[in-house]
Amino acid sequence: MGTATRFWDWNAERYSRQPIADEASYRKKLAITQKYLGPEMRVVEFGCGTGSTAVVHAPLVSTYEAIDVSAKMVEIGRHKASEAGLSNLTFKVGTLEEAGLPDAGFDAVLGLNVLHLVPDLDATLATVARVLRPGGHFVASTICLKDLKGNLRWLALAARVLPFLPTVRPFSAGELESRIEGVGFSIVERFEQRPGVIFHVARKGS
């Protein structure tokens, strides 16, 4: 078990109970995402945490698969789905790359607050492109370390050197967008929650 997995397992219960820090921005991101969802769609979300966003979106689509490296996060997510009566929402432990998802098997992929944590950004983006159908959408909310200001930047930098915290990978919003476009996407929506915290919707080319 890696350091990041241990960290999220240890924090799962506390993370699940935390209030949303910026409710208005969270609601805006939900609303933007839901413009790209429909009742016949197949959706996968990686880095799903305890499934709070999955539970909101799943009623709007045909199937919703949620993936996280933390077994304890997934356990909480399954409980939330059961309580909500969502039979179309399933959870799996692992990474996007490990999930064995089919080529072009999904209409939308969500990666929320996770791209800055993956060990190989280019490999993850390539997997997103592989599992999305042509014309499908990738929705991502990402911390861009190089663009952060003030205390948030220092906290993210500390995470790069403290062994018990998950590593935050350093890139700017421009670098992230270039790498998303480099695997065949065009960015169709962009919302800057604050400097260094960026929400994107990107469309896979035909």
N, C-alpha and C. Protein backbone atom coordinates (compact mmCIF):
# COMPACT_ATOMS: atom_id res chain seq x y z
N MET A 1 0.85 -1.19 0.00
CA MET A 1 0.00 0.00 0.00
C MET A 1 0.88 1.24 0.00
N GLY A 2 0.65 2.19 -0.94
CA GLY A 2 1.45 3.38 -1.04
C GLY A 2 1.10 4.41 0.03
N THR A 3 1.98 5.43 0.15
CA THR A 3 1.77 6.48 1.14
C THR A 3 0.44 7.19 0.91
N ALA A 4 0.11 7.51 -0.34
CA ALA A 4 -1.14 8.22 -0.63
C ALA A 4 -2.35 7.40 -0.22
N THR A 5 -2.31 6.09 -0.49
CA THR A 5 -3.43 5.23 -0.14
C THR A 5 -3.61 5.17 1.37
N ARG A 6 -2.52 5.03 2.10
CA ARG A 6 -2.60 5.02 3.57
C ARG A 6 -3.16 6.33 4.10
N PHE A 7 -2.71 7.44 3.51
CA PHE A 7 -3.18 8.75 3.95
C PHE A 7 -4.70 8.87 3.77
N TRP A 8 -5.22 8.47 2.59
CA TRP A 8 -6.66 8.62 2.33
C TRP A 8 -7.47 7.62 3.14
N ASP A 9 -6.95 6.42 3.34
CA ASP A 9 -7.65 5.47 4.21
C ASP A 9 -7.78 6.04 5.63
N TRP A 10 -6.68 6.60 6.12
CA TRP A 10 -6.65 7.15 7.47
C TRP A 10 -7.61 8.33 7.61
N ASN A 11 -7.76 9.12 6.53
CA ASN A 11 -8.57 10.33 6.59
C ASN A 11 -9.99 10.15 6.08
N ALA A 12 -10.37 8.96 5.68
CA ALA A 12 -11.65 8.78 4.99
C ALA A 12 -12.85 9.25 5.80
N GLU A 13 -12.92 8.84 7.05
CA GLU A 13 -14.08 9.22 7.87
C GLU A 13 -14.13 10.73 8.09
N ARG A 14 -13.01 11.31 8.41
CA ARG A 14 -12.97 12.77 8.65
C ARG A 14 -13.27 13.52 7.35
N TYR A 15 -12.72 13.05 6.25
CA TYR A 15 -12.96 13.67 4.94
C TYR A 15 -14.45 13.65 4.60
N SER A 16 -15.10 12.54 4.89
CA SER A 16 -16.52 12.40 4.57
C SER A 16 -17.38 13.38 5.36
N ARG A 17 -16.93 13.74 6.56
CA ARG A 17 -17.72 14.63 7.42
C ARG A 17 -17.43 16.11 7.19
N GLN A 18 -16.36 16.41 6.44
CA GLN A 18 -15.98 17.81 6.25
C GLN A 18 -17.03 18.57 5.44
N PRO A 19 -17.37 19.79 5.85
CA PRO A 19 -18.26 20.61 5.02
C PRO A 19 -17.53 21.08 3.77
N ILE A 20 -18.27 21.37 2.72
CA ILE A 20 -17.68 21.90 1.50
C ILE A 20 -17.16 23.31 1.77
N ALA A 21 -15.92 23.56 1.42
CA ALA A 21 -15.28 24.83 1.77
C ALA A 21 -15.86 26.00 0.98
N ASP A 22 -16.19 25.77 -0.28
CA ASP A 22 -16.70 26.84 -1.16
C ASP A 22 -17.96 26.31 -1.83
N GLU A 23 -19.07 26.42 -1.13
CA GLU A 23 -20.34 25.83 -1.60
C GLU A 23 -20.78 26.42 -2.94
N ALA A 24 -20.62 27.72 -3.14
CA ALA A 24 -21.06 28.35 -4.38
C ALA A 24 -20.29 27.80 -5.58
N SER A 25 -18.97 27.68 -5.45
CA SER A 25 -18.17 27.14 -6.55
C SER A 25 -18.50 25.68 -6.80
N TYR A 26 -18.71 24.91 -5.73
CA TYR A 26 -19.07 23.50 -5.89
C TYR A 26 -20.38 23.37 -6.66
N ARG A 27 -21.37 24.16 -6.31
CA ARG A 27 -22.65 24.11 -7.01
C ARG A 27 -22.51 24.53 -8.47
N LYS A 28 -21.66 25.51 -8.72
CA LYS A 28 -21.44 25.93 -10.11
C LYS A 28 -20.81 24.80 -10.92
N LYS A 29 -19.84 24.10 -10.32
CA LYS A 29 -19.19 22.99 -11.04
C LYS A 29 -20.17 21.84 -11.28
N LEU A 30 -21.05 21.57 -10.31
CA LEU A 30 -22.08 20.56 -10.53
C LEU A 30 -22.97 20.95 -11.71
N ALA A 31 -23.38 22.20 -11.74
CA ALA A 31 -24.29 22.65 -12.79
C ALA A 31 -23.62 22.59 -14.17
N ILE A 32 -22.36 22.99 -14.24
CA ILE A 32 -21.65 22.91 -15.52
C ILE A 32 -21.56 21.46 -15.97
N THR A 33 -21.17 20.58 -15.06
CA THR A 33 -21.04 19.16 -15.40
C THR A 33 -22.35 18.59 -15.92
N GLN A 34 -23.44 18.93 -15.28
CA GLN A 34 -24.72 18.32 -15.62
C GLN A 34 -25.24 18.75 -16.98
N LYS A 35 -24.68 19.81 -17.55
CA LYS A 35 -25.02 20.18 -18.92
C LYS A 35 -24.55 19.12 -19.91
N TYR A 36 -23.56 18.32 -19.50
CA TYR A 36 -22.95 17.33 -20.39
C TYR A 36 -23.39 15.90 -20.05
N LEU A 37 -24.38 15.75 -19.18
CA LEU A 37 -24.87 14.43 -18.79
C LEU A 37 -26.28 14.21 -19.35
N GLY A 38 -26.61 12.95 -19.58
CA GLY A 38 -27.93 12.61 -20.08
C GLY A 38 -28.32 11.21 -19.68
N PRO A 39 -29.60 10.85 -19.81
CA PRO A 39 -30.11 9.59 -19.25
C PRO A 39 -29.57 8.32 -19.89
N GLU A 40 -29.01 8.40 -21.09
CA GLU A 40 -28.47 7.20 -21.75
C GLU A 40 -26.96 7.07 -21.57
N MET A 41 -26.36 7.94 -20.80
CA MET A 41 -24.91 8.03 -20.78
C MET A 41 -24.26 7.09 -19.77
N ARG A 42 -23.05 6.66 -20.13
CA ARG A 42 -22.19 5.86 -19.26
C ARG A 42 -21.06 6.76 -18.77
N VAL A 43 -20.90 6.84 -17.45
CA VAL A 43 -19.95 7.78 -16.84
C VAL A 43 -19.01 7.01 -15.92
N VAL A 44 -17.75 7.44 -15.90
CA VAL A 44 -16.80 6.92 -14.91
C VAL A 44 -16.13 8.11 -14.24
N GLU A 45 -15.95 8.01 -12.93
CA GLU A 45 -15.25 9.04 -12.16
C GLU A 45 -14.09 8.38 -11.42
N PHE A 46 -12.89 8.92 -11.59
CA PHE A 46 -11.74 8.38 -10.85
C PHE A 46 -11.29 9.41 -9.82
N GLY A 47 -10.74 8.90 -8.71
CA GLY A 47 -10.46 9.76 -7.57
C GLY A 47 -11.75 10.25 -6.95
N CYS A 48 -12.71 9.34 -6.82
CA CYS A 48 -14.08 9.72 -6.42
C CYS A 48 -14.21 10.03 -4.95
N GLY A 49 -13.19 9.73 -4.13
CA GLY A 49 -13.30 9.97 -2.70
C GLY A 49 -14.44 9.17 -2.10
N THR A 50 -15.23 9.82 -1.27
CA THR A 50 -16.33 9.11 -0.59
C THR A 50 -17.63 9.16 -1.38
N GLY A 51 -17.57 9.59 -2.62
CA GLY A 51 -18.72 9.45 -3.52
C GLY A 51 -19.77 10.54 -3.45
N SER A 52 -19.48 11.65 -2.80
CA SER A 52 -20.49 12.69 -2.66
C SER A 52 -20.95 13.23 -4.01
N THR A 53 -20.00 13.51 -4.91
CA THR A 53 -20.36 14.02 -6.23
C THR A 53 -21.00 12.93 -7.08
N ALA A 54 -20.53 11.71 -6.96
CA ALA A 54 -21.12 10.60 -7.71
C ALA A 54 -22.59 10.43 -7.37
N VAL A 55 -22.93 10.56 -6.10
CA VAL A 55 -24.32 10.40 -5.67
C VAL A 55 -25.20 11.50 -6.27
N VAL A 56 -24.65 12.69 -6.47
CA VAL A 56 -25.42 13.78 -7.08
C VAL A 56 -25.66 13.53 -8.56
N HIS A 57 -24.63 13.06 -9.28
CA HIS A 57 -24.74 12.93 -10.74
C HIS A 57 -25.38 11.61 -11.19
N ALA A 58 -25.22 10.55 -10.44
CA ALA A 58 -25.66 9.23 -10.88
C ALA A 58 -27.14 9.16 -11.27
N PRO A 59 -28.06 9.84 -10.58
CA PRO A 59 -29.46 9.76 -10.99
C PRO A 59 -29.75 10.30 -12.39
N LEU A 60 -28.79 11.03 -12.96
CA LEU A 60 -29.02 11.67 -14.26
C LEU A 60 -28.53 10.84 -15.43
N VAL A 61 -27.86 9.69 -15.17
CA VAL A 61 -27.24 8.92 -16.24
C VAL A 61 -27.65 7.45 -16.15
N SER A 62 -27.23 6.68 -17.16
CA SER A 62 -27.58 5.25 -17.20
C SER A 62 -26.73 4.45 -16.22
N THR A 63 -25.41 4.57 -16.34
CA THR A 63 -24.50 3.89 -15.41
C THR A 63 -23.41 4.84 -14.98
N TYR A 64 -22.96 4.67 -13.72
CA TYR A 64 -21.93 5.54 -13.16
C TYR A 64 -20.97 4.65 -12.38
N GLU A 65 -19.72 4.59 -12.83
CA GLU A 65 -18.69 3.82 -12.14
C GLU A 65 -17.76 4.79 -11.41
N ALA A 66 -17.51 4.54 -10.13
CA ALA A 66 -16.69 5.42 -9.31
C ALA A 66 -15.48 4.63 -8.81
N ILE A 67 -14.29 5.22 -8.95
CA ILE A 67 -13.03 4.54 -8.65
C ILE A 67 -12.21 5.40 -7.70
N ASP A 68 -11.60 4.75 -6.70
CA ASP A 68 -10.68 5.47 -5.80
C ASP A 68 -9.64 4.49 -5.27
N VAL A 69 -8.45 5.01 -4.97
CA VAL A 69 -7.38 4.15 -4.46
C VAL A 69 -7.62 3.72 -3.03
N SER A 70 -8.47 4.42 -2.31
CA SER A 70 -8.70 4.15 -0.89
C SER A 70 -9.89 3.22 -0.69
N ALA A 71 -9.64 2.05 -0.13
CA ALA A 71 -10.72 1.10 0.14
C ALA A 71 -11.71 1.68 1.15
N LYS A 72 -11.23 2.47 2.10
CA LYS A 72 -12.13 3.05 3.09
C LYS A 72 -13.01 4.13 2.48
N MET A 73 -12.47 4.92 1.55
CA MET A 73 -13.29 5.89 0.83
C MET A 73 -14.38 5.16 0.04
N VAL A 74 -14.00 4.11 -0.64
CA VAL A 74 -14.96 3.34 -1.44
C VAL A 74 -16.04 2.72 -0.56
N GLU A 75 -15.65 2.23 0.59
CA GLU A 75 -16.64 1.66 1.51
C GLU A 75 -17.70 2.70 1.90
N ILE A 76 -17.25 3.92 2.20
CA ILE A 76 -18.19 4.98 2.54
C ILE A 76 -19.06 5.33 1.35
N GLY A 77 -18.44 5.38 0.16
CA GLY A 77 -19.20 5.67 -1.05
C GLY A 77 -20.28 4.64 -1.32
N ARG A 78 -19.96 3.37 -1.13
CA ARG A 78 -20.97 2.32 -1.34
C ARG A 78 -22.14 2.48 -0.37
N HIS A 79 -21.83 2.87 0.86
CA HIS A 79 -22.89 3.09 1.85
C HIS A 79 -23.78 4.26 1.42
N LYS A 80 -23.19 5.33 0.92
CA LYS A 80 -23.97 6.47 0.44
C LYS A 80 -24.88 6.07 -0.72
N ALA A 81 -24.33 5.29 -1.66
CA ALA A 81 -25.12 4.86 -2.81
C ALA A 81 -26.29 3.98 -2.38
N SER A 82 -26.02 3.09 -1.42
CA SER A 82 -27.09 2.22 -0.90
C SER A 82 -28.18 3.04 -0.22
N GLU A 83 -27.76 4.00 0.60
CA GLU A 83 -28.74 4.85 1.29
C GLU A 83 -29.59 5.64 0.31
N ALA A 84 -28.98 6.05 -0.82
CA ALA A 84 -29.70 6.84 -1.82
C ALA A 84 -30.50 5.96 -2.79
N GLY A 85 -30.36 4.64 -2.67
CA GLY A 85 -31.08 3.73 -3.56
C GLY A 85 -30.61 3.78 -5.00
N LEU A 86 -29.31 3.99 -5.21
CA LEU A 86 -28.76 4.15 -6.56
C LEU A 86 -28.15 2.84 -7.04
N SER A 87 -28.94 2.04 -7.71
CA SER A 87 -28.45 0.75 -8.20
C SER A 87 -27.53 0.89 -9.41
N ASN A 88 -27.55 2.04 -10.07
CA ASN A 88 -26.69 2.26 -11.24
C ASN A 88 -25.32 2.81 -10.88
N LEU A 89 -25.07 3.05 -9.59
CA LEU A 89 -23.78 3.59 -9.13
C LEU A 89 -22.97 2.48 -8.47
N THR A 90 -21.80 2.19 -9.05
CA THR A 90 -20.93 1.14 -8.52
C THR A 90 -19.57 1.74 -8.18
N PHE A 91 -18.89 1.11 -7.23
CA PHE A 91 -17.59 1.59 -6.76
C PHE A 91 -16.54 0.50 -6.92
N LYS A 92 -15.32 0.94 -7.19
CA LYS A 92 -14.19 0.02 -7.37
C LYS A 92 -12.95 0.64 -6.75
N VAL A 93 -12.12 -0.20 -6.12
CA VAL A 93 -10.87 0.25 -5.52
C VAL A 93 -9.75 0.15 -6.56
N GLY A 94 -8.97 1.23 -6.69
CA GLY A 94 -7.83 1.20 -7.60
C GLY A 94 -7.64 2.54 -8.29
N THR A 95 -6.80 2.53 -9.31
CA THR A 95 -6.58 3.71 -10.14
C THR A 95 -7.34 3.56 -11.44
N LEU A 96 -7.45 4.64 -12.18
CA LEU A 96 -8.10 4.57 -13.50
C LEU A 96 -7.39 3.57 -14.40
N GLU A 97 -6.06 3.58 -14.35
CA GLU A 97 -5.29 2.69 -15.21
C GLU A 97 -5.49 1.22 -14.83
N GLU A 98 -5.72 0.95 -13.55
CA GLU A 98 -5.87 -0.43 -13.09
C GLU A 98 -7.28 -0.99 -13.29
N ALA A 99 -8.22 -0.15 -13.64
CA ALA A 99 -9.63 -0.55 -13.61
C ALA A 99 -10.05 -1.46 -14.76
N GLY A 100 -9.21 -1.59 -15.78
CA GLY A 100 -9.55 -2.48 -16.90
C GLY A 100 -10.76 -2.02 -17.70
N LEU A 101 -10.89 -0.72 -17.89
CA LEU A 101 -12.06 -0.18 -18.58
C LEU A 101 -11.93 -0.36 -20.09
N PRO A 102 -13.05 -0.54 -20.78
CA PRO A 102 -13.00 -0.79 -22.22
C PRO A 102 -12.68 0.46 -23.03
N ASP A 103 -12.08 0.27 -24.19
CA ASP A 103 -11.84 1.39 -25.09
C ASP A 103 -13.17 2.00 -25.51
N ALA A 104 -13.21 3.35 -25.52
CA ALA A 104 -14.40 4.09 -25.97
C ALA A 104 -15.67 3.62 -25.27
N GLY A 105 -15.54 3.22 -24.00
CA GLY A 105 -16.67 2.64 -23.28
C GLY A 105 -17.54 3.64 -22.54
N PHE A 106 -17.14 4.93 -22.54
CA PHE A 106 -17.84 5.90 -21.71
C PHE A 106 -18.12 7.19 -22.47
N ASP A 107 -19.21 7.83 -22.08
CA ASP A 107 -19.60 9.11 -22.67
C ASP A 107 -18.99 10.29 -21.93
N ALA A 108 -18.65 10.09 -20.66
CA ALA A 108 -18.02 11.14 -19.87
C ALA A 108 -17.10 10.52 -18.84
N VAL A 109 -15.98 11.19 -18.59
CA VAL A 109 -15.03 10.81 -17.53
C VAL A 109 -14.86 12.01 -16.63
N LEU A 110 -14.94 11.79 -15.32
CA LEU A 110 -14.73 12.85 -14.34
C LEU A 110 -13.47 12.54 -13.52
N GLY A 111 -12.62 13.54 -13.38
CA GLY A 111 -11.44 13.44 -12.54
C GLY A 111 -11.36 14.70 -11.69
N LEU A 112 -11.98 14.67 -10.53
CA LEU A 112 -12.17 15.87 -9.71
C LEU A 112 -11.18 15.90 -8.56
N ASN A 113 -10.37 16.95 -8.53
CA ASN A 113 -9.37 17.13 -7.48
C ASN A 113 -8.39 15.95 -7.42
N VAL A 114 -7.97 15.48 -8.59
CA VAL A 114 -7.12 14.29 -8.60
C VAL A 114 -5.93 14.38 -9.56
N LEU A 115 -6.01 15.14 -10.65
CA LEU A 115 -4.92 15.13 -11.63
C LEU A 115 -3.59 15.59 -11.03
N HIS A 116 -3.63 16.48 -10.05
CA HIS A 116 -2.40 16.95 -9.41
C HIS A 116 -1.81 15.90 -8.46
N LEU A 117 -2.53 14.81 -8.24
CA LEU A 117 -2.07 13.76 -7.32
C LEU A 117 -1.60 12.49 -8.02
N VAL A 118 -1.93 12.33 -9.31
CA VAL A 118 -1.56 11.08 -9.99
C VAL A 118 -0.05 11.06 -10.23
N PRO A 119 0.58 9.88 -10.16
CA PRO A 119 2.03 9.81 -10.32
C PRO A 119 2.51 10.09 -11.74
N ASP A 120 1.67 9.80 -12.74
CA ASP A 120 2.06 10.00 -14.14
C ASP A 120 0.89 10.66 -14.87
N LEU A 121 0.92 11.98 -14.93
CA LEU A 121 -0.19 12.73 -15.52
C LEU A 121 -0.45 12.33 -16.96
N ASP A 122 0.61 12.20 -17.75
CA ASP A 122 0.42 11.89 -19.17
C ASP A 122 -0.21 10.51 -19.35
N ALA A 123 0.18 9.55 -18.53
CA ALA A 123 -0.41 8.21 -18.63
C ALA A 123 -1.88 8.24 -18.25
N THR A 124 -2.22 9.01 -17.23
CA THR A 124 -3.62 9.11 -16.82
C THR A 124 -4.45 9.77 -17.91
N LEU A 125 -3.94 10.87 -18.48
CA LEU A 125 -4.68 11.54 -19.55
C LEU A 125 -4.84 10.64 -20.77
N ALA A 126 -3.82 9.85 -21.07
CA ALA A 126 -3.93 8.90 -22.19
C ALA A 126 -5.01 7.86 -21.92
N THR A 127 -5.13 7.41 -20.68
CA THR A 127 -6.18 6.46 -20.33
C THR A 127 -7.56 7.10 -20.44
N VAL A 128 -7.68 8.35 -19.97
CA VAL A 128 -8.95 9.07 -20.14
C VAL A 128 -9.34 9.11 -21.61
N ALA A 129 -8.40 9.47 -22.46
CA ALA A 129 -8.69 9.54 -23.90
C ALA A 129 -9.08 8.18 -24.46
N ARG A 130 -8.43 7.13 -23.98
CA ARG A 130 -8.72 5.79 -24.50
C ARG A 130 -10.13 5.33 -24.14
N VAL A 131 -10.57 5.59 -22.92
CA VAL A 131 -11.86 5.03 -22.48
C VAL A 131 -13.05 5.89 -22.90
N LEU A 132 -12.79 7.12 -23.34
CA LEU A 132 -13.88 7.99 -23.81
C LEU A 132 -14.21 7.72 -25.26
N ARG A 133 -15.49 7.74 -25.59
CA ARG A 133 -15.90 7.66 -26.99
C ARG A 133 -15.55 8.97 -27.69
N PRO A 134 -15.39 8.96 -29.01
CA PRO A 134 -15.20 10.23 -29.73
C PRO A 134 -16.37 11.17 -29.48
N GLY A 135 -16.07 12.41 -29.18
CA GLY A 135 -17.10 13.38 -28.85
C GLY A 135 -17.49 13.40 -27.38
N GLY A 136 -16.95 12.46 -26.59
CA GLY A 136 -17.23 12.42 -25.17
C GLY A 136 -16.51 13.53 -24.42
N HIS A 137 -16.88 13.73 -23.17
CA HIS A 137 -16.34 14.85 -22.39
C HIS A 137 -15.56 14.39 -21.16
N PHE A 138 -14.48 15.11 -20.90
CA PHE A 138 -13.66 14.91 -19.72
C PHE A 138 -13.83 16.13 -18.83
N VAL A 139 -14.26 15.91 -17.59
CA VAL A 139 -14.49 16.98 -16.63
C VAL A 139 -13.45 16.86 -15.52
N ALA A 140 -12.70 17.93 -15.29
CA ALA A 140 -11.61 17.88 -14.31
C ALA A 140 -11.56 19.16 -13.49
N SER A 141 -11.32 18.99 -12.20
CA SER A 141 -11.05 20.11 -11.30
C SER A 141 -9.67 19.86 -10.70
N THR A 142 -8.76 20.81 -10.85
CA THR A 142 -7.35 20.52 -10.60
C THR A 142 -6.65 21.66 -9.89
N ILE A 143 -5.77 21.30 -8.95
CA ILE A 143 -4.88 22.28 -8.34
C ILE A 143 -3.63 22.40 -9.21
N CYS A 144 -3.37 23.61 -9.68
CA CYS A 144 -2.18 23.88 -10.49
C CYS A 144 -1.17 24.58 -9.59
N LEU A 145 -0.25 23.80 -9.05
CA LEU A 145 0.65 24.25 -7.99
C LEU A 145 1.42 25.51 -8.36
N LYS A 146 1.86 25.59 -9.60
CA LYS A 146 2.68 26.73 -10.01
C LYS A 146 1.89 28.04 -10.01
N ASP A 147 0.57 27.97 -10.03
CA ASP A 147 -0.26 29.17 -10.07
C ASP A 147 -0.88 29.53 -8.72
N LEU A 148 -0.70 28.67 -7.72
CA LEU A 148 -1.29 28.93 -6.42
C LEU A 148 -0.68 30.17 -5.77
N LYS A 149 -1.49 30.81 -4.93
CA LYS A 149 -1.04 32.00 -4.22
C LYS A 149 -1.13 31.78 -2.71
N GLY A 150 -0.28 32.46 -1.95
CA GLY A 150 -0.41 32.52 -0.51
C GLY A 150 -0.25 31.17 0.19
N ASN A 151 -1.08 30.98 1.22
CA ASN A 151 -0.95 29.80 2.08
C ASN A 151 -1.20 28.50 1.35
N LEU A 152 -2.10 28.51 0.35
CA LEU A 152 -2.37 27.28 -0.38
C LEU A 152 -1.11 26.77 -1.08
N ARG A 153 -0.32 27.69 -1.63
CA ARG A 153 0.91 27.28 -2.31
C ARG A 153 1.89 26.65 -1.32
N TRP A 154 2.04 27.25 -0.15
CA TRP A 154 2.98 26.71 0.84
C TRP A 154 2.52 25.35 1.35
N LEU A 155 1.22 25.17 1.50
CA LEU A 155 0.71 23.88 1.93
C LEU A 155 0.99 22.80 0.89
N ALA A 156 0.77 23.12 -0.38
CA ALA A 156 1.03 22.16 -1.44
C ALA A 156 2.52 21.85 -1.56
N LEU A 157 3.36 22.86 -1.38
CA LEU A 157 4.81 22.63 -1.41
C LEU A 157 5.24 21.73 -0.26
N ALA A 158 4.64 21.92 0.91
CA ALA A 158 4.97 21.07 2.06
C ALA A 158 4.62 19.62 1.77
N ALA A 159 3.53 19.41 1.05
CA ALA A 159 3.11 18.05 0.73
C ALA A 159 4.12 17.34 -0.16
N ARG A 160 4.96 18.11 -0.87
CA ARG A 160 5.96 17.49 -1.74
C ARG A 160 7.15 16.94 -0.96
N VAL A 161 7.33 17.36 0.28
CA VAL A 161 8.53 16.93 1.02
C VAL A 161 8.19 16.14 2.28
N LEU A 162 6.95 16.23 2.76
CA LEU A 162 6.58 15.48 3.96
C LEU A 162 6.13 14.08 3.56
N PRO A 163 6.76 13.04 4.09
CA PRO A 163 6.53 11.68 3.60
C PRO A 163 5.14 11.14 3.89
N PHE A 164 4.43 11.69 4.86
CA PHE A 164 3.13 11.15 5.22
C PHE A 164 1.99 11.81 4.45
N LEU A 165 2.29 12.80 3.60
CA LEU A 165 1.27 13.47 2.80
C LEU A 165 1.37 13.05 1.34
N PRO A 166 0.24 13.00 0.62
CA PRO A 166 0.30 12.69 -0.81
C PRO A 166 1.00 13.80 -1.57
N THR A 167 1.76 13.44 -2.57
CA THR A 167 2.54 14.41 -3.34
C THR A 167 1.65 15.17 -4.31
N VAL A 168 1.80 16.49 -4.34
CA VAL A 168 1.12 17.34 -5.32
C VAL A 168 2.11 17.62 -6.44
N ARG A 169 1.75 17.24 -7.66
CA ARG A 169 2.65 17.41 -8.81
C ARG A 169 2.62 18.86 -9.28
N PRO A 170 3.79 19.43 -9.62
CA PRO A 170 3.84 20.85 -9.98
C PRO A 170 3.63 21.09 -11.47
N PHE A 171 2.57 21.80 -11.81
CA PHE A 171 2.37 22.30 -13.17
C PHE A 171 1.47 23.52 -13.10
N SER A 172 1.49 24.31 -14.14
CA SER A 172 0.62 25.48 -14.24
C SER A 172 -0.65 25.10 -14.99
N ALA A 173 -1.64 25.99 -14.96
CA ALA A 173 -2.87 25.74 -15.72
C ALA A 173 -2.56 25.65 -17.21
N GLY A 174 -1.67 26.50 -17.69
CA GLY A 174 -1.31 26.45 -19.10
C GLY A 174 -0.67 25.13 -19.48
N GLU A 175 0.21 24.63 -18.61
CA GLU A 175 0.86 23.34 -18.88
C GLU A 175 -0.17 22.21 -18.85
N LEU A 176 -1.09 22.25 -17.91
CA LEU A 176 -2.13 21.23 -17.83
C LEU A 176 -2.99 21.24 -19.09
N GLU A 177 -3.42 22.42 -19.51
CA GLU A 177 -4.27 22.51 -20.68
C GLU A 177 -3.55 22.01 -21.93
N SER A 178 -2.27 22.32 -22.04
CA SER A 178 -1.48 21.85 -23.18
C SER A 178 -1.41 20.32 -23.20
N ARG A 179 -1.29 19.72 -22.04
CA ARG A 179 -1.18 18.26 -21.98
C ARG A 179 -2.53 17.60 -22.22
N ILE A 180 -3.62 18.22 -21.77
CA ILE A 180 -4.96 17.71 -22.09
C ILE A 180 -5.19 17.77 -23.60
N GLU A 181 -4.86 18.90 -24.20
CA GLU A 181 -5.03 19.04 -25.65
C GLU A 181 -4.12 18.10 -26.42
N GLY A 182 -2.97 17.78 -25.83
CA GLY A 182 -2.01 16.92 -26.50
C GLY A 182 -2.47 15.48 -26.69
N VAL A 183 -3.50 15.05 -25.93
CA VAL A 183 -4.01 13.69 -26.12
C VAL A 183 -5.34 13.70 -26.88
N GLY A 184 -5.62 14.80 -27.58
CA GLY A 184 -6.76 14.80 -28.49
C GLY A 184 -8.02 15.50 -28.02
N PHE A 185 -7.90 16.36 -27.01
CA PHE A 185 -9.06 17.07 -26.49
C PHE A 185 -9.03 18.54 -26.90
N SER A 186 -10.22 19.13 -26.97
CA SER A 186 -10.35 20.58 -27.04
C SER A 186 -11.10 21.04 -25.80
N ILE A 187 -10.63 22.09 -25.17
CA ILE A 187 -11.25 22.59 -23.94
C ILE A 187 -12.45 23.46 -24.31
N VAL A 188 -13.62 23.08 -23.80
CA VAL A 188 -14.86 23.78 -24.18
C VAL A 188 -15.39 24.67 -23.06
N GLU A 189 -14.99 24.41 -21.81
CA GLU A 189 -15.36 25.29 -20.70
C GLU A 189 -14.21 25.34 -19.71
N ARG A 190 -14.08 26.51 -19.07
CA ARG A 190 -13.00 26.73 -18.11
C ARG A 190 -13.52 27.65 -17.02
N PHE A 191 -13.40 27.23 -15.78
CA PHE A 191 -13.83 28.03 -14.64
C PHE A 191 -12.69 28.07 -13.64
N GLU A 192 -12.18 29.27 -13.38
CA GLU A 192 -11.10 29.45 -12.41
C GLU A 192 -11.72 29.76 -11.05
N GLN A 193 -11.74 28.76 -10.20
CA GLN A 193 -12.34 28.93 -8.87
C GLN A 193 -11.56 29.96 -8.06
N ARG A 194 -10.25 29.90 -8.17
CA ARG A 194 -9.33 30.89 -7.61
C ARG A 194 -8.00 30.65 -8.32
N PRO A 195 -7.04 31.58 -8.24
CA PRO A 195 -5.76 31.35 -8.92
C PRO A 195 -5.15 30.00 -8.52
N GLY A 196 -4.94 29.16 -9.51
CA GLY A 196 -4.34 27.86 -9.27
C GLY A 196 -5.32 26.73 -9.04
N VAL A 197 -6.62 27.02 -9.01
CA VAL A 197 -7.63 25.97 -8.86
C VAL A 197 -8.58 26.10 -10.06
N ILE A 198 -8.47 25.17 -11.01
CA ILE A 198 -9.10 25.31 -12.31
C ILE A 198 -10.04 24.15 -12.59
N PHE A 199 -11.20 24.46 -13.12
CA PHE A 199 -12.19 23.47 -13.53
C PHE A 199 -12.31 23.50 -15.05
N HIS A 200 -12.16 22.33 -15.68
CA HIS A 200 -12.21 22.24 -17.14
C HIS A 200 -13.28 21.25 -17.58
N VAL A 201 -13.87 21.52 -18.73
CA VAL A 201 -14.58 20.51 -19.50
C VAL A 201 -13.89 20.45 -20.86
N ALA A 202 -13.45 19.26 -21.25
CA ALA A 202 -12.75 19.07 -22.51
C ALA A 202 -13.46 18.01 -23.35
N ARG A 203 -13.52 18.24 -24.64
CA ARG A 203 -14.21 17.32 -25.57
C ARG A 203 -13.18 16.53 -26.36
N LYS A 204 -13.40 15.21 -26.43
CA LYS A 204 -12.51 14.36 -27.23
C LYS A 204 -12.86 14.51 -28.70
N GLY A 205 -11.85 14.63 -29.54
CA GLY A 205 -12.08 14.76 -30.96
C GLY A 205 -12.66 13.50 -31.58
N SER A 206 -13.24 13.67 -32.75
CA SER A 206 -13.86 12.53 -33.45
C SER A 206 -12.82 11.63 -34.05
